[in-house]
């Protein structure tokens, strides 16, 4: 068994988050959101991809995600598109970002441009 370690370059900014206070906002329209997406993390992208079998084939799907924004927690409706490219590779698209994402045999993203990449 092998391990993956994620390295993330988020720049020099660090924000303090108040988890003791009331929620800072939640989109009222989360109907249809089956999956949760944690901002700045590639670890949540496999969920809708694996659920729909896109690593092995298929076409294009448009799941609605409940996205948790960070560093200032807020849950929003976040539509996106995933398109099967080839075995183990899916194109991700959302407002303002698109990239081909390669997955390993365990179904984890191994390179997320601008956010993280797996290292051994």
PDB file of N, CA and C in Angstrom:
ATOM      1  N   UNK A   1       0.852  -1.178   0.000  1.00  0.00           N
ATOM      2  CA  UNK A   1       0.000   0.000   0.000  1.00  0.00           C
ATOM      3  C   UNK A   1       0.894   1.235   0.000  1.00  0.00           C
ATOM      4  N   UNK A   2       0.496   2.250  -0.719  1.00  0.00           N
ATOM      5  CA  UNK A   2       1.271   3.482  -0.758  1.00  0.00           C
ATOM      6  C   UNK A   2       0.477   4.615  -0.157  1.00  0.00           C
ATOM      7  N   UNK A   3       1.179   5.665   0.180  1.00  0.00           N
ATOM      8  CA  UNK A   3       0.532   6.832   0.791  1.00  0.00           C
ATOM      9  C   UNK A   3       0.686   8.029  -0.126  1.00  0.00           C
ATOM     10  N   UNK A   4      -0.275   8.914  -0.070  1.00  0.00           N
ATOM     11  CA  UNK A   4      -0.202  10.174  -0.795  1.00  0.00           C
ATOM     12  C   UNK A   4      -0.156  11.304   0.216  1.00  0.00           C
ATOM     13  N   UNK A   5       0.681  12.258  -0.038  1.00  0.00           N
ATOM     14  CA  UNK A   5       0.764  13.437   0.808  1.00  0.00           C
ATOM     15  C   UNK A   5       0.455  14.629  -0.074  1.00  0.00           C
ATOM     16  N   UNK A   6      -0.459  15.472   0.367  1.00  0.00           N
ATOM     17  CA  UNK A   6      -0.839  16.638  -0.418  1.00  0.00           C
ATOM     18  C   UNK A   6      -0.098  17.853   0.077  1.00  0.00           C
ATOM     19  N   UNK A   7       0.510  18.555  -0.849  1.00  0.00           N
ATOM     20  CA  UNK A   7       1.186  19.805  -0.554  1.00  0.00           C
ATOM     21  C   UNK A   7       0.360  20.893  -1.214  1.00  0.00           C
ATOM     22  N   UNK A   8       0.012  21.914  -0.465  1.00  0.00           N
ATOM     23  CA  UNK A   8      -0.819  22.990  -1.014  1.00  0.00           C
ATOM     24  C   UNK A   8      -0.105  24.311  -0.823  1.00  0.00           C
ATOM     25  N   UNK A   9      -0.037  25.075  -1.892  1.00  0.00           N
ATOM     26  CA  UNK A   9       0.554  26.402  -1.828  1.00  0.00           C
ATOM     27  C   UNK A   9      -0.580  27.404  -1.867  1.00  0.00           C
ATOM     28  N   UNK A  10      -0.897  27.981  -0.713  1.00  0.00           N
ATOM     29  CA  UNK A  10      -1.999  28.938  -0.654  1.00  0.00           C
ATOM     30  C   UNK A  10      -1.500  30.363  -0.479  1.00  0.00           C
ATOM     31  N   UNK A  11      -0.219  30.557  -0.639  1.00  0.00           N
ATOM     32  CA  UNK A  11       0.324  31.902  -0.513  1.00  0.00           C
ATOM     33  C   UNK A  11       0.568  32.282   0.930  1.00  0.00           C
ATOM     34  N   UNK A  12       0.859  33.540   1.140  1.00  0.00           N
ATOM     35  CA  UNK A  12       1.238  34.014   2.469  1.00  0.00           C
ATOM     36  C   UNK A  12       0.042  34.389   3.337  1.00  0.00           C
ATOM     37  N   UNK A  13      -1.144  34.412   2.757  1.00  0.00           N
ATOM     38  CA  UNK A  13      -2.297  34.846   3.549  1.00  0.00           C
ATOM     39  C   UNK A  13      -2.754  33.750   4.513  1.00  0.00           C
ATOM     40  N   UNK A  14      -3.048  34.141   5.693  1.00  0.00           N
ATOM     41  CA  UNK A  14      -3.613  33.238   6.695  1.00  0.00           C
ATOM     42  C   UNK A  14      -4.756  33.992   7.346  1.00  0.00           C
ATOM     43  N   UNK A  15      -5.896  33.355   7.392  1.00  0.00           N
ATOM     44  CA  UNK A  15      -7.058  34.025   7.964  1.00  0.00           C
ATOM     45  C   UNK A  15      -7.500  33.304   9.220  1.00  0.00           C
ATOM     46  N   UNK A  16      -7.946  34.074  10.175  1.00  0.00           N
ATOM     47  CA  UNK A  16      -8.514  33.479  11.373  1.00  0.00           C
ATOM     48  C   UNK A  16      -9.997  33.255  11.134  1.00  0.00           C
ATOM     49  N   UNK A  17     -10.471  32.113  11.543  1.00  0.00           N
ATOM     50  CA  UNK A  17     -11.867  31.756  11.336  1.00  0.00           C
ATOM     51  C   UNK A  17     -12.521  31.563  12.692  1.00  0.00           C
ATOM     52  N   UNK A  18     -13.692  32.150  12.874  1.00  0.00           N
ATOM     53  CA  UNK A  18     -14.435  32.033  14.119  1.00  0.00           C
ATOM     54  C   UNK A  18     -15.447  30.904  13.988  1.00  0.00           C
ATOM     55  N   UNK A  19     -15.108  29.724  14.545  1.00  0.00           N
ATOM     56  CA  UNK A  19     -16.008  28.589  14.467  1.00  0.00           C
ATOM     57  C   UNK A  19     -17.003  28.559  15.618  1.00  0.00           C
ATOM     58  N   UNK A  20     -16.871  29.495  16.565  1.00  0.00           N
ATOM     59  CA  UNK A  20     -17.779  29.526  17.704  1.00  0.00           C
ATOM     60  C   UNK A  20     -19.019  30.374  17.445  1.00  0.00           C
ATOM     61  N   UNK A  21     -18.981  31.179  16.427  1.00  0.00           N
ATOM     62  CA  UNK A  21     -20.104  32.066  16.134  1.00  0.00           C
ATOM     63  C   UNK A  21     -21.143  31.385  15.269  1.00  0.00           C
ATOM     64  N   UNK A  22     -22.187  32.102  14.906  1.00  0.00           N
ATOM     65  CA  UNK A  22     -23.233  31.536  14.050  1.00  0.00           C
ATOM     66  C   UNK A  22     -22.710  31.332  12.635  1.00  0.00           C
ATOM     67  N   UNK A  23     -23.370  30.487  11.833  1.00  0.00           N
ATOM     68  CA  UNK A  23     -22.944  30.297  10.445  1.00  0.00           C
ATOM     69  C   UNK A  23     -22.903  31.624   9.715  1.00  0.00           C
ATOM     70  N   UNK A  24     -21.925  31.784   8.855  1.00  0.00           N
ATOM     71  CA  UNK A  24     -21.770  33.047   8.135  1.00  0.00           C
ATOM     72  C   UNK A  24     -22.625  33.109   6.881  1.00  0.00           C
ATOM     73  N   UNK A  25     -23.360  32.100   6.630  1.00  0.00           N
ATOM     74  CA  UNK A  25     -24.225  32.139   5.454  1.00  0.00           C
ATOM     75  C   UNK A  25     -24.338  30.778   4.822  1.00  0.00           C
ATOM     76  N   UNK A  26     -25.495  30.483   4.349  1.00  0.00           N
ATOM     77  CA  UNK A  26     -25.730  29.224   3.669  1.00  0.00           C
ATOM     78  C   UNK A  26     -26.711  29.503   2.550  1.00  0.00           C
ATOM     79  N   UNK A  27     -26.354  29.109   1.352  1.00  0.00           N
ATOM     80  CA  UNK A  27     -27.206  29.294   0.191  1.00  0.00           C
ATOM     81  C   UNK A  27     -28.535  28.597   0.445  1.00  0.00           C
ATOM     82  N   UNK A  28     -29.632  29.293   0.206  1.00  0.00           N
ATOM     83  CA  UNK A  28     -30.951  28.710   0.422  1.00  0.00           C
ATOM     84  C   UNK A  28     -31.311  27.664  -0.630  1.00  0.00           C
ATOM     85  N   UNK A  29     -30.613  27.688  -1.758  1.00  0.00           N
ATOM     86  CA  UNK A  29     -30.960  26.799  -2.864  1.00  0.00           C
ATOM     87  C   UNK A  29     -29.911  25.701  -3.038  1.00  0.00           C
ATOM     88  N   UNK A  30     -29.921  24.722  -2.136  1.00  0.00           N
ATOM     89  CA  UNK A  30     -28.999  23.596  -2.233  1.00  0.00           C
ATOM     90  C   UNK A  30     -29.703  22.329  -2.719  1.00  0.00           C
ATOM     91  N   UNK A  31     -30.948  22.488  -3.207  1.00  0.00           N
ATOM     92  CA  UNK A  31     -31.688  21.337  -3.722  1.00  0.00           C
ATOM     93  C   UNK A  31     -30.887  20.653  -4.826  1.00  0.00           C
ATOM     94  N   UNK A  32     -30.813  19.347  -4.753  1.00  0.00           N
ATOM     95  CA  UNK A  32     -30.117  18.575  -5.771  1.00  0.00           C
ATOM     96  C   UNK A  32     -28.635  18.384  -5.514  1.00  0.00           C
ATOM     97  N   UNK A  33     -28.110  18.997  -4.474  1.00  0.00           N
ATOM     98  CA  UNK A  33     -26.689  18.854  -4.160  1.00  0.00           C
ATOM     99  C   UNK A  33     -26.479  17.542  -3.409  1.00  0.00           C
ATOM    100  N   UNK A  34     -25.913  16.546  -4.090  1.00  0.00           N
ATOM    101  CA  UNK A  34     -25.662  15.252  -3.472  1.00  0.00           C
ATOM    102  C   UNK A  34     -24.290  15.186  -2.805  1.00  0.00           C
ATOM    103  N   UNK A  35     -23.386  16.046  -3.236  1.00  0.00           N
ATOM    104  CA  UNK A  35     -22.010  15.984  -2.763  1.00  0.00           C
ATOM    105  C   UNK A  35     -21.574  17.319  -2.184  1.00  0.00           C
ATOM    106  N   UNK A  36     -20.594  17.251  -1.310  1.00  0.00           N
ATOM    107  CA  UNK A  36     -20.028  18.440  -0.688  1.00  0.00           C
ATOM    108  C   UNK A  36     -18.633  18.680  -1.241  1.00  0.00           C
ATOM    109  N   UNK A  37     -18.302  19.915  -1.499  1.00  0.00           N
ATOM    110  CA  UNK A  37     -16.985  20.284  -2.003  1.00  0.00           C
ATOM    111  C   UNK A  37     -16.340  21.230  -1.011  1.00  0.00           C
ATOM    112  N   UNK A  38     -15.172  20.874  -0.527  1.00  0.00           N
ATOM    113  CA  UNK A  38     -14.422  21.727   0.378  1.00  0.00           C
ATOM    114  C   UNK A  38     -13.462  22.576  -0.443  1.00  0.00           C
ATOM    115  N   UNK A  39     -13.629  23.894  -0.395  1.00  0.00           N
ATOM    116  CA  UNK A  39     -12.784  24.801  -1.149  1.00  0.00           C
ATOM    117  C   UNK A  39     -11.308  24.604  -0.837  1.00  0.00           C
ATOM    118  N   UNK A  40     -10.466  24.795  -1.843  1.00  0.00           N
ATOM    119  CA  UNK A  40      -9.010  24.647  -1.739  1.00  0.00           C
ATOM    120  C   UNK A  40      -8.566  23.225  -1.430  1.00  0.00           C
ATOM    121  N   UNK A  41      -9.406  22.261  -1.718  1.00  0.00           N
ATOM    122  CA  UNK A  41      -9.041  20.868  -1.474  1.00  0.00           C
ATOM    123  C   UNK A  41      -9.398  20.003  -2.680  1.00  0.00           C
ATOM    124  N   UNK A  42      -8.445  19.242  -3.204  1.00  0.00           N
ATOM    125  CA  UNK A  42      -8.750  18.320  -4.297  1.00  0.00           C
ATOM    126  C   UNK A  42      -9.355  17.014  -3.804  1.00  0.00           C
ATOM    127  N   UNK A  43      -9.474  16.833  -2.515  1.00  0.00           N
ATOM    128  CA  UNK A  43      -9.932  15.561  -1.965  1.00  0.00           C
ATOM    129  C   UNK A  43     -11.426  15.322  -2.123  1.00  0.00           C
ATOM    130  N   UNK A  44     -12.197  16.347  -2.422  1.00  0.00           N
ATOM    131  CA  UNK A  44     -13.642  16.159  -2.563  1.00  0.00           C
ATOM    132  C   UNK A  44     -14.078  15.982  -4.015  1.00  0.00           C
ATOM    133  N   UNK A  45     -13.201  16.250  -4.971  1.00  0.00           N
ATOM    134  CA  UNK A  45     -13.570  16.091  -6.381  1.00  0.00           C
ATOM    135  C   UNK A  45     -13.862  14.650  -6.784  1.00  0.00           C
ATOM    136  N   UNK A  46     -13.200  13.651  -6.214  1.00  0.00           N
ATOM    137  CA  UNK A  46     -13.496  12.278  -6.643  1.00  0.00           C
ATOM    138  C   UNK A  46     -14.922  11.815  -6.367  1.00  0.00           C
ATOM    139  N   UNK A  47     -15.591  12.356  -5.377  1.00  0.00           N
ATOM    140  CA  UNK A  47     -16.910  11.850  -5.005  1.00  0.00           C
ATOM    141  C   UNK A  47     -17.895  11.835  -6.176  1.00  0.00           C
ATOM    142  N   UNK A  48     -18.172  12.957  -6.850  1.00  0.00           N
ATOM    143  CA  UNK A  48     -19.125  12.894  -7.960  1.00  0.00           C
ATOM    144  C   UNK A  48     -18.574  12.133  -9.167  1.00  0.00           C
ATOM    145  N   UNK A  49     -17.263  12.149  -9.335  1.00  0.00           N
ATOM    146  CA  UNK A  49     -16.640  11.433 -10.460  1.00  0.00           C
ATOM    147  C   UNK A  49     -16.792   9.922 -10.274  1.00  0.00           C
ATOM    148  N   UNK A  50     -16.476   9.437  -9.084  1.00  0.00           N
ATOM    149  CA  UNK A  50     -16.585   8.004  -8.810  1.00  0.00           C
ATOM    150  C   UNK A  50     -18.043   7.551  -8.769  1.00  0.00           C
ATOM    151  N   UNK A  51     -18.915   8.386  -8.207  1.00  0.00           N
ATOM    152  CA  UNK A  51     -20.344   8.043  -8.124  1.00  0.00           C
ATOM    153  C   UNK A  51     -20.927   7.787  -9.517  1.00  0.00           C
ATOM    154  N   UNK A  52     -20.435   8.493 -10.502  1.00  0.00           N
ATOM    155  CA  UNK A  52     -20.986   8.387 -11.856  1.00  0.00           C
ATOM    156  C   UNK A  52     -20.110   7.549 -12.794  1.00  0.00           C
ATOM    157  N   UNK A  53     -19.033   6.941 -12.283  1.00  0.00           N
ATOM    158  CA  UNK A  53     -18.187   6.056 -13.088  1.00  0.00           C
ATOM    159  C   UNK A  53     -17.433   6.739 -14.207  1.00  0.00           C
ATOM    160  N   UNK A  54     -17.115   8.018 -14.062  1.00  0.00           N
ATOM    161  CA  UNK A  54     -16.481   8.769 -15.146  1.00  0.00           C
ATOM    162  C   UNK A  54     -15.029   8.402 -15.418  1.00  0.00           C
ATOM    163  N   UNK A  55     -14.364   7.719 -14.519  1.00  0.00           N
ATOM    164  CA  UNK A  55     -12.976   7.343 -14.788  1.00  0.00           C
ATOM    165  C   UNK A  55     -12.890   6.224 -15.818  1.00  0.00           C
ATOM    166  N   UNK A  56     -13.956   5.451 -15.933  1.00  0.00           N
ATOM    167  CA  UNK A  56     -13.965   4.317 -16.851  1.00  0.00           C
ATOM    168  C   UNK A  56     -14.674   4.611 -18.163  1.00  0.00           C
ATOM    169  N   UNK A  57     -15.346   5.711 -18.265  1.00  0.00           N
ATOM    170  CA  UNK A  57     -16.066   6.035 -19.481  1.00  0.00           C
ATOM    171  C   UNK A  57     -17.208   6.978 -19.185  1.00  0.00           C
ATOM    172  N   UNK A  58     -18.067   7.091 -20.149  1.00  0.00           N
ATOM    173  CA  UNK A  58     -19.198   7.985 -19.953  1.00  0.00           C
ATOM    174  C   UNK A  58     -19.026   9.253 -20.746  1.00  0.00           C
ATOM    175  N   UNK A  59     -19.809  10.200 -20.424  1.00  0.00           N
ATOM    176  CA  UNK A  59     -19.789  11.454 -21.156  1.00  0.00           C
ATOM    177  C   UNK A  59     -19.522  12.616 -20.237  1.00  0.00           C
ATOM    178  N   UNK A  60     -20.514  13.466 -20.121  1.00  0.00           N
ATOM    179  CA  UNK A  60     -20.397  14.696 -19.334  1.00  0.00           C
ATOM    180  C   UNK A  60     -21.535  14.732 -18.322  1.00  0.00           C
ATOM    181  N   UNK A  61     -21.216  15.089 -17.087  1.00  0.00           N
ATOM    182  CA  UNK A  61     -22.243  15.236 -16.057  1.00  0.00           C
ATOM    183  C   UNK A  61     -22.118  16.618 -15.430  1.00  0.00           C
ATOM    184  N   UNK A  62     -23.218  17.086 -14.879  1.00  0.00           N
ATOM    185  CA  UNK A  62     -23.248  18.417 -14.263  1.00  0.00           C
ATOM    186  C   UNK A  62     -23.838  18.318 -12.868  1.00  0.00           C
ATOM    187  N   UNK A  63     -23.065  17.794 -11.902  1.00  0.00           N
ATOM    188  CA  UNK A  63     -23.601  17.696 -10.545  1.00  0.00           C
ATOM    189  C   UNK A  63     -23.660  19.063  -9.863  1.00  0.00           C
ATOM    190  N   UNK A  64     -24.635  19.217  -8.996  1.00  0.00           N
ATOM    191  CA  UNK A  64     -24.712  20.407  -8.151  1.00  0.00           C
ATOM    192  C   UNK A  64     -23.995  20.056  -6.850  1.00  0.00           C
ATOM    193  N   UNK A  65     -23.066  20.880  -6.439  1.00  0.00           N
ATOM    194  CA  UNK A  65     -22.297  20.633  -5.227  1.00  0.00           C
ATOM    195  C   UNK A  65     -22.659  21.670  -4.168  1.00  0.00           C
ATOM    196  N   UNK A  66     -22.614  21.250  -2.917  1.00  0.00           N
ATOM    197  CA  UNK A  66     -22.705  22.179  -1.794  1.00  0.00           C
ATOM    198  C   UNK A  66     -21.262  22.522  -1.450  1.00  0.00           C
ATOM    199  N   UNK A  67     -20.804  23.676  -1.877  1.00  0.00           N
ATOM    200  CA  UNK A  67     -19.403  24.065  -1.712  1.00  0.00           C
ATOM    201  C   UNK A  67     -19.217  24.835  -0.414  1.00  0.00           C
ATOM    202  N   UNK A  68     -18.241  24.409   0.367  1.00  0.00           N
ATOM    203  CA  UNK A  68     -17.884  25.108   1.595  1.00  0.00           C
ATOM    204  C   UNK A  68     -16.702  26.007   1.266  1.00  0.00           C
ATOM    205  N   UNK A  69     -16.949  27.306   1.276  1.00  0.00           N
ATOM    206  CA  UNK A  69     -15.874  28.255   0.989  1.00  0.00           C
ATOM    207  C   UNK A  69     -14.936  28.353   2.183  1.00  0.00           C
ATOM    208  N   UNK A  70     -13.666  28.518   1.894  1.00  0.00           N
ATOM    209  CA  UNK A  70     -12.658  28.742   2.936  1.00  0.00           C
ATOM    210  C   UNK A  70     -11.791  29.904   2.499  1.00  0.00           C
ATOM    211  N   UNK A  71     -11.216  30.661   3.358  1.00  0.00           N
ATOM    212  CA  UNK A  71     -11.112  30.465   4.790  1.00  0.00           C
ATOM    213  C   UNK A  71     -12.292  31.037   5.579  1.00  0.00           C
ATOM    214  N   UNK A  72     -13.231  31.678   4.928  1.00  0.00           N
ATOM    215  CA  UNK A  72     -14.393  32.245   5.621  1.00  0.00           C
ATOM    216  C   UNK A  72     -15.592  31.352   5.322  1.00  0.00           C
ATOM    217  N   UNK A  73     -15.949  30.446   6.229  1.00  0.00           N
ATOM    218  CA  UNK A  73     -16.964  29.434   5.958  1.00  0.00           C
ATOM    219  C   UNK A  73     -18.291  30.006   5.471  1.00  0.00           C
ATOM    220  N   UNK A  74     -18.709  29.498   4.345  1.00  0.00           N
ATOM    221  CA  UNK A  74     -20.002  29.813   3.768  1.00  0.00           C
ATOM    222  C   UNK A  74     -20.340  28.659   2.840  1.00  0.00           C
ATOM    223  N   UNK A  75     -21.542  28.153   2.875  1.00  0.00           N
ATOM    224  CA  UNK A  75     -21.953  27.053   2.012  1.00  0.00           C
ATOM    225  C   UNK A  75     -22.777  27.628   0.867  1.00  0.00           C
ATOM    226  N   UNK A  76     -22.361  27.324  -0.359  1.00  0.00           N
ATOM    227  CA  UNK A  76     -23.034  27.862  -1.540  1.00  0.00           C
ATOM    228  C   UNK A  76     -23.350  26.742  -2.533  1.00  0.00           C
ATOM    229  N   UNK A  77     -24.320  26.999  -3.375  1.00  0.00           N
ATOM    230  CA  UNK A  77     -24.620  26.107  -4.500  1.00  0.00           C
ATOM    231  C   UNK A  77     -23.527  26.320  -5.532  1.00  0.00           C
ATOM    232  N   UNK A  78     -22.923  25.221  -6.011  1.00  0.00           N
ATOM    233  CA  UNK A  78     -21.800  25.345  -6.936  1.00  0.00           C
ATOM    234  C   UNK A  78     -21.932  24.349  -8.085  1.00  0.00           C
ATOM    235  N   UNK A  79     -22.558  24.778  -9.191  1.00  0.00           N
ATOM    236  CA  UNK A  79     -22.643  23.897 -10.348  1.00  0.00           C
ATOM    237  C   UNK A  79     -21.266  23.726 -10.994  1.00  0.00           C
ATOM    238  N   UNK A  80     -21.041  22.571 -11.579  1.00  0.00           N
ATOM    239  CA  UNK A  80     -19.786  22.279 -12.271  1.00  0.00           C
ATOM    240  C   UNK A  80     -20.037  21.188 -13.286  1.00  0.00           C
ATOM    241  N   UNK A  81     -19.049  20.925 -14.112  1.00  0.00           N
ATOM    242  CA  UNK A  81     -19.154  19.913 -15.140  1.00  0.00           C
ATOM    243  C   UNK A  81     -17.926  19.022 -15.076  1.00  0.00           C
ATOM    244  N   UNK A  82     -18.156  17.726 -15.219  1.00  0.00           N
ATOM    245  CA  UNK A  82     -17.073  16.750 -15.325  1.00  0.00           C
ATOM    246  C   UNK A  82     -17.278  15.984 -16.628  1.00  0.00           C
ATOM    247  N   UNK A  83     -16.211  15.851 -17.407  1.00  0.00           N
ATOM    248  CA  UNK A  83     -16.277  15.150 -18.686  1.00  0.00           C
ATOM    249  C   UNK A  83     -15.181  14.091 -18.736  1.00  0.00           C
ATOM    250  N   UNK A  84     -15.552  12.862 -19.058  1.00  0.00           N
ATOM    251  CA  UNK A  84     -14.573  11.786 -19.208  1.00  0.00           C
ATOM    252  C   UNK A  84     -13.646  12.118 -20.375  1.00  0.00           C
ATOM    253  N   UNK A  85     -12.327  12.099 -20.135  1.00  0.00           N
ATOM    254  CA  UNK A  85     -11.355  12.333 -21.198  1.00  0.00           C
ATOM    255  C   UNK A  85     -10.785  11.018 -21.708  1.00  0.00           C
ATOM    256  N   UNK A  86     -10.241  10.232 -20.804  1.00  0.00           N
ATOM    257  CA  UNK A  86      -9.736   8.897 -21.119  1.00  0.00           C
ATOM    258  C   UNK A  86      -9.638   8.114 -19.816  1.00  0.00           C
ATOM    259  N   UNK A  87      -9.171   6.889 -19.888  1.00  0.00           N
ATOM    260  CA  UNK A  87      -9.099   6.054 -18.687  1.00  0.00           C
ATOM    261  C   UNK A  87      -8.313   6.779 -17.591  1.00  0.00           C
ATOM    262  N   UNK A  88      -8.983   7.087 -16.481  1.00  0.00           N
ATOM    263  CA  UNK A  88      -8.323   7.724 -15.345  1.00  0.00           C
ATOM    264  C   UNK A  88      -8.150   9.225 -15.454  1.00  0.00           C
ATOM    265  N   UNK A  89      -8.841   9.869 -16.370  1.00  0.00           N
ATOM    266  CA  UNK A  89      -8.689  11.317 -16.538  1.00  0.00           C
ATOM    267  C   UNK A  89     -10.051  11.957 -16.840  1.00  0.00           C
ATOM    268  N   UNK A  90     -10.322  13.063 -16.146  1.00  0.00           N
ATOM    269  CA  UNK A  90     -11.602  13.759 -16.265  1.00  0.00           C
ATOM    270  C   UNK A  90     -11.339  15.253 -16.379  1.00  0.00           C
ATOM    271  N   UNK A  91     -12.097  15.921 -17.230  1.00  0.00           N
ATOM    272  CA  UNK A  91     -12.013  17.378 -17.324  1.00  0.00           C
ATOM    273  C   UNK A  91     -13.007  17.982 -16.338  1.00  0.00           C
ATOM    274  N   UNK A  92     -12.517  18.921 -15.531  1.00  0.00           N
ATOM    275  CA  UNK A  92     -13.332  19.634 -14.552  1.00  0.00           C
ATOM    276  C   UNK A  92     -13.553  21.041 -15.075  1.00  0.00           C
ATOM    277  N   UNK A  93     -14.774  21.534 -14.982  1.00  0.00           N
ATOM    278  CA  UNK A  93     -15.086  22.911 -15.368  1.00  0.00           C
ATOM    279  C   UNK A  93     -16.067  23.512 -14.371  1.00  0.00           C
ATOM    280  N   UNK A  94     -15.799  24.731 -13.979  1.00  0.00           N
ATOM    281  CA  UNK A  94     -16.738  25.512 -13.188  1.00  0.00           C
ATOM    282  C   UNK A  94     -16.533  26.962 -13.591  1.00  0.00           C
ATOM    283  N   UNK A  95     -17.302  27.847 -13.029  1.00  0.00           N
ATOM    284  CA  UNK A  95     -17.166  29.263 -13.362  1.00  0.00           C
ATOM    285  C   UNK A  95     -15.750  29.726 -13.053  1.00  0.00           C
ATOM    286  N   UNK A  96     -15.017  30.117 -14.066  1.00  0.00           N
ATOM    287  CA  UNK A  96     -13.689  30.679 -13.867  1.00  0.00           C
ATOM    288  C   UNK A  96     -12.540  29.691 -13.812  1.00  0.00           C
ATOM    289  N   UNK A  97     -12.779  28.359 -13.928  1.00  0.00           N
ATOM    290  CA  UNK A  97     -11.681  27.408 -13.857  1.00  0.00           C
ATOM    291  C   UNK A  97     -12.015  26.160 -14.653  1.00  0.00           C
ATOM    292  N   UNK A  98     -11.015  25.652 -15.362  1.00  0.00           N
ATOM    293  CA  UNK A  98     -11.157  24.389 -16.090  1.00  0.00           C
ATOM    294  C   UNK A  98      -9.793  23.722 -16.161  1.00  0.00           C
ATOM    295  N   UNK A  99      -9.777  22.400 -16.022  1.00  0.00           N
ATOM    296  CA  UNK A  99      -8.517  21.652 -16.102  1.00  0.00           C
ATOM    297  C   UNK A  99      -8.805  20.175 -16.269  1.00  0.00           C
ATOM    298  N   UNK A 100      -7.885  19.484 -16.915  1.00  0.00           N
ATOM    299  CA  UNK A 100      -7.922  18.029 -16.962  1.00  0.00           C
ATOM    300  C   UNK A 100      -7.335  17.514 -15.660  1.00  0.00           C
ATOM    301  N   UNK A 101      -8.017  16.595 -14.990  1.00  0.00           N
ATOM    302  CA  UNK A 101      -7.557  16.066 -13.714  1.00  0.00           C
ATOM    303  C   UNK A 101      -7.249  14.582 -13.847  1.00  0.00           C
ATOM    304  N   UNK A 102      -5.981  14.204 -13.671  1.00  0.00           N
ATOM    305  CA  UNK A 102      -5.642  12.784 -13.682  1.00  0.00           C
ATOM    306  C   UNK A 102      -5.895  12.163 -12.312  1.00  0.00           C
ATOM    307  N   UNK A 103      -6.375  10.929 -12.313  1.00  0.00           N
ATOM    308  CA  UNK A 103      -6.676  10.187 -11.088  1.00  0.00           C
ATOM    309  C   UNK A 103      -5.781   8.958 -11.011  1.00  0.00           C
ATOM    310  N   UNK A 104      -5.442   8.540  -9.795  1.00  0.00           N
ATOM    311  CA  UNK A 104      -4.670   7.316  -9.636  1.00  0.00           C
ATOM    312  C   UNK A 104      -5.622   6.112  -9.567  1.00  0.00           C
ATOM    313  N   UNK A 105      -5.051   4.928  -9.402  1.00  0.00           N
ATOM    314  CA  UNK A 105      -5.852   3.701  -9.381  1.00  0.00           C
ATOM    315  C   UNK A 105      -6.815   3.639  -8.200  1.00  0.00           C
ATOM    316  N   UNK A 106      -6.545   4.419  -7.146  1.00  0.00           N
ATOM    317  CA  UNK A 106      -7.427   4.456  -5.981  1.00  0.00           C
ATOM    318  C   UNK A 106      -8.533   5.494  -6.104  1.00  0.00           C
ATOM    319  N   UNK A 107      -8.563   6.241  -7.207  1.00  0.00           N
ATOM    320  CA  UNK A 107      -9.603   7.240  -7.415  1.00  0.00           C
ATOM    321  C   UNK A 107      -9.320   8.585  -6.790  1.00  0.00           C
ATOM    322  N   UNK A 108      -8.036   8.880  -6.530  1.00  0.00           N
ATOM    323  CA  UNK A 108      -7.660  10.190  -5.977  1.00  0.00           C
ATOM    324  C   UNK A 108      -7.048  11.058  -7.064  1.00  0.00           C
ATOM    325  N   UNK A 109      -7.335  12.356  -7.026  1.00  0.00           N
ATOM    326  CA  UNK A 109      -6.733  13.301  -7.970  1.00  0.00           C
ATOM    327  C   UNK A 109      -5.240  13.362  -7.681  1.00  0.00           C
ATOM    328  N   UNK A 110      -4.404  13.194  -8.713  1.00  0.00           N
ATOM    329  CA  UNK A 110      -2.958  13.221  -8.483  1.00  0.00           C
ATOM    330  C   UNK A 110      -2.312  14.547  -8.881  1.00  0.00           C
ATOM    331  N   UNK A 111      -3.037  15.371  -9.622  1.00  0.00           N
ATOM    332  CA  UNK A 111      -2.509  16.692  -9.958  1.00  0.00           C
ATOM    333  C   UNK A 111      -3.682  17.636 -10.175  1.00  0.00           C
ATOM    334  N   UNK A 112      -3.777  18.640  -9.302  1.00  0.00           N
ATOM    335  CA  UNK A 112      -4.828  19.640  -9.403  1.00  0.00           C
ATOM    336  C   UNK A 112      -4.133  20.972  -9.647  1.00  0.00           C
ATOM    337  N   UNK A 113      -4.079  21.419 -10.917  1.00  0.00           N
ATOM    338  CA  UNK A 113      -3.311  22.619 -11.269  1.00  0.00           C
ATOM    339  C   UNK A 113      -3.631  23.817 -10.392  1.00  0.00           C
ATOM    340  N   UNK A 114      -2.583  24.408  -9.856  1.00  0.00           N
ATOM    341  CA  UNK A 114      -2.714  25.600  -9.031  1.00  0.00           C
ATOM    342  C   UNK A 114      -3.112  25.348  -7.590  1.00  0.00           C
ATOM    343  N   UNK A 115      -3.363  24.068  -7.229  1.00  0.00           N
ATOM    344  CA  UNK A 115      -3.805  23.795  -5.857  1.00  0.00           C
ATOM    345  C   UNK A 115      -2.953  22.738  -5.167  1.00  0.00           C
ATOM    346  N   UNK A 116      -2.756  21.594  -5.802  1.00  0.00           N
ATOM    347  CA  UNK A 116      -2.056  20.508  -5.127  1.00  0.00           C
ATOM    348  C   UNK A 116      -1.627  19.441  -6.111  1.00  0.00           C
ATOM    349  N   UNK A 117      -0.668  18.647  -5.681  1.00  0.00           N
ATOM    350  CA  UNK A 117      -0.281  17.466  -6.444  1.00  0.00           C
ATOM    351  C   UNK A 117       0.174  16.405  -5.458  1.00  0.00           C
ATOM    352  N   UNK A 118      -0.028  15.168  -5.837  1.00  0.00           N
ATOM    353  CA  UNK A 118       0.352  14.059  -4.967  1.00  0.00           C
ATOM    354  C   UNK A 118       1.869  13.863  -5.043  1.00  0.00           C
ATOM    355  N   UNK A 119       2.472  13.565  -3.911  1.00  0.00           N
ATOM    356  CA  UNK A 119       3.896  13.235  -3.867  1.00  0.00           C
ATOM    357  C   UNK A 119       4.033  11.904  -3.139  1.00  0.00           C
ATOM    358  N   UNK A 120       5.077  11.208  -3.464  1.00  0.00           N
ATOM    359  CA  UNK A 120       5.312   9.903  -2.812  1.00  0.00           C
ATOM    360  C   UNK A 120       6.292  10.070  -1.687  1.00  0.00           C
TER     361      UNK A 120
END
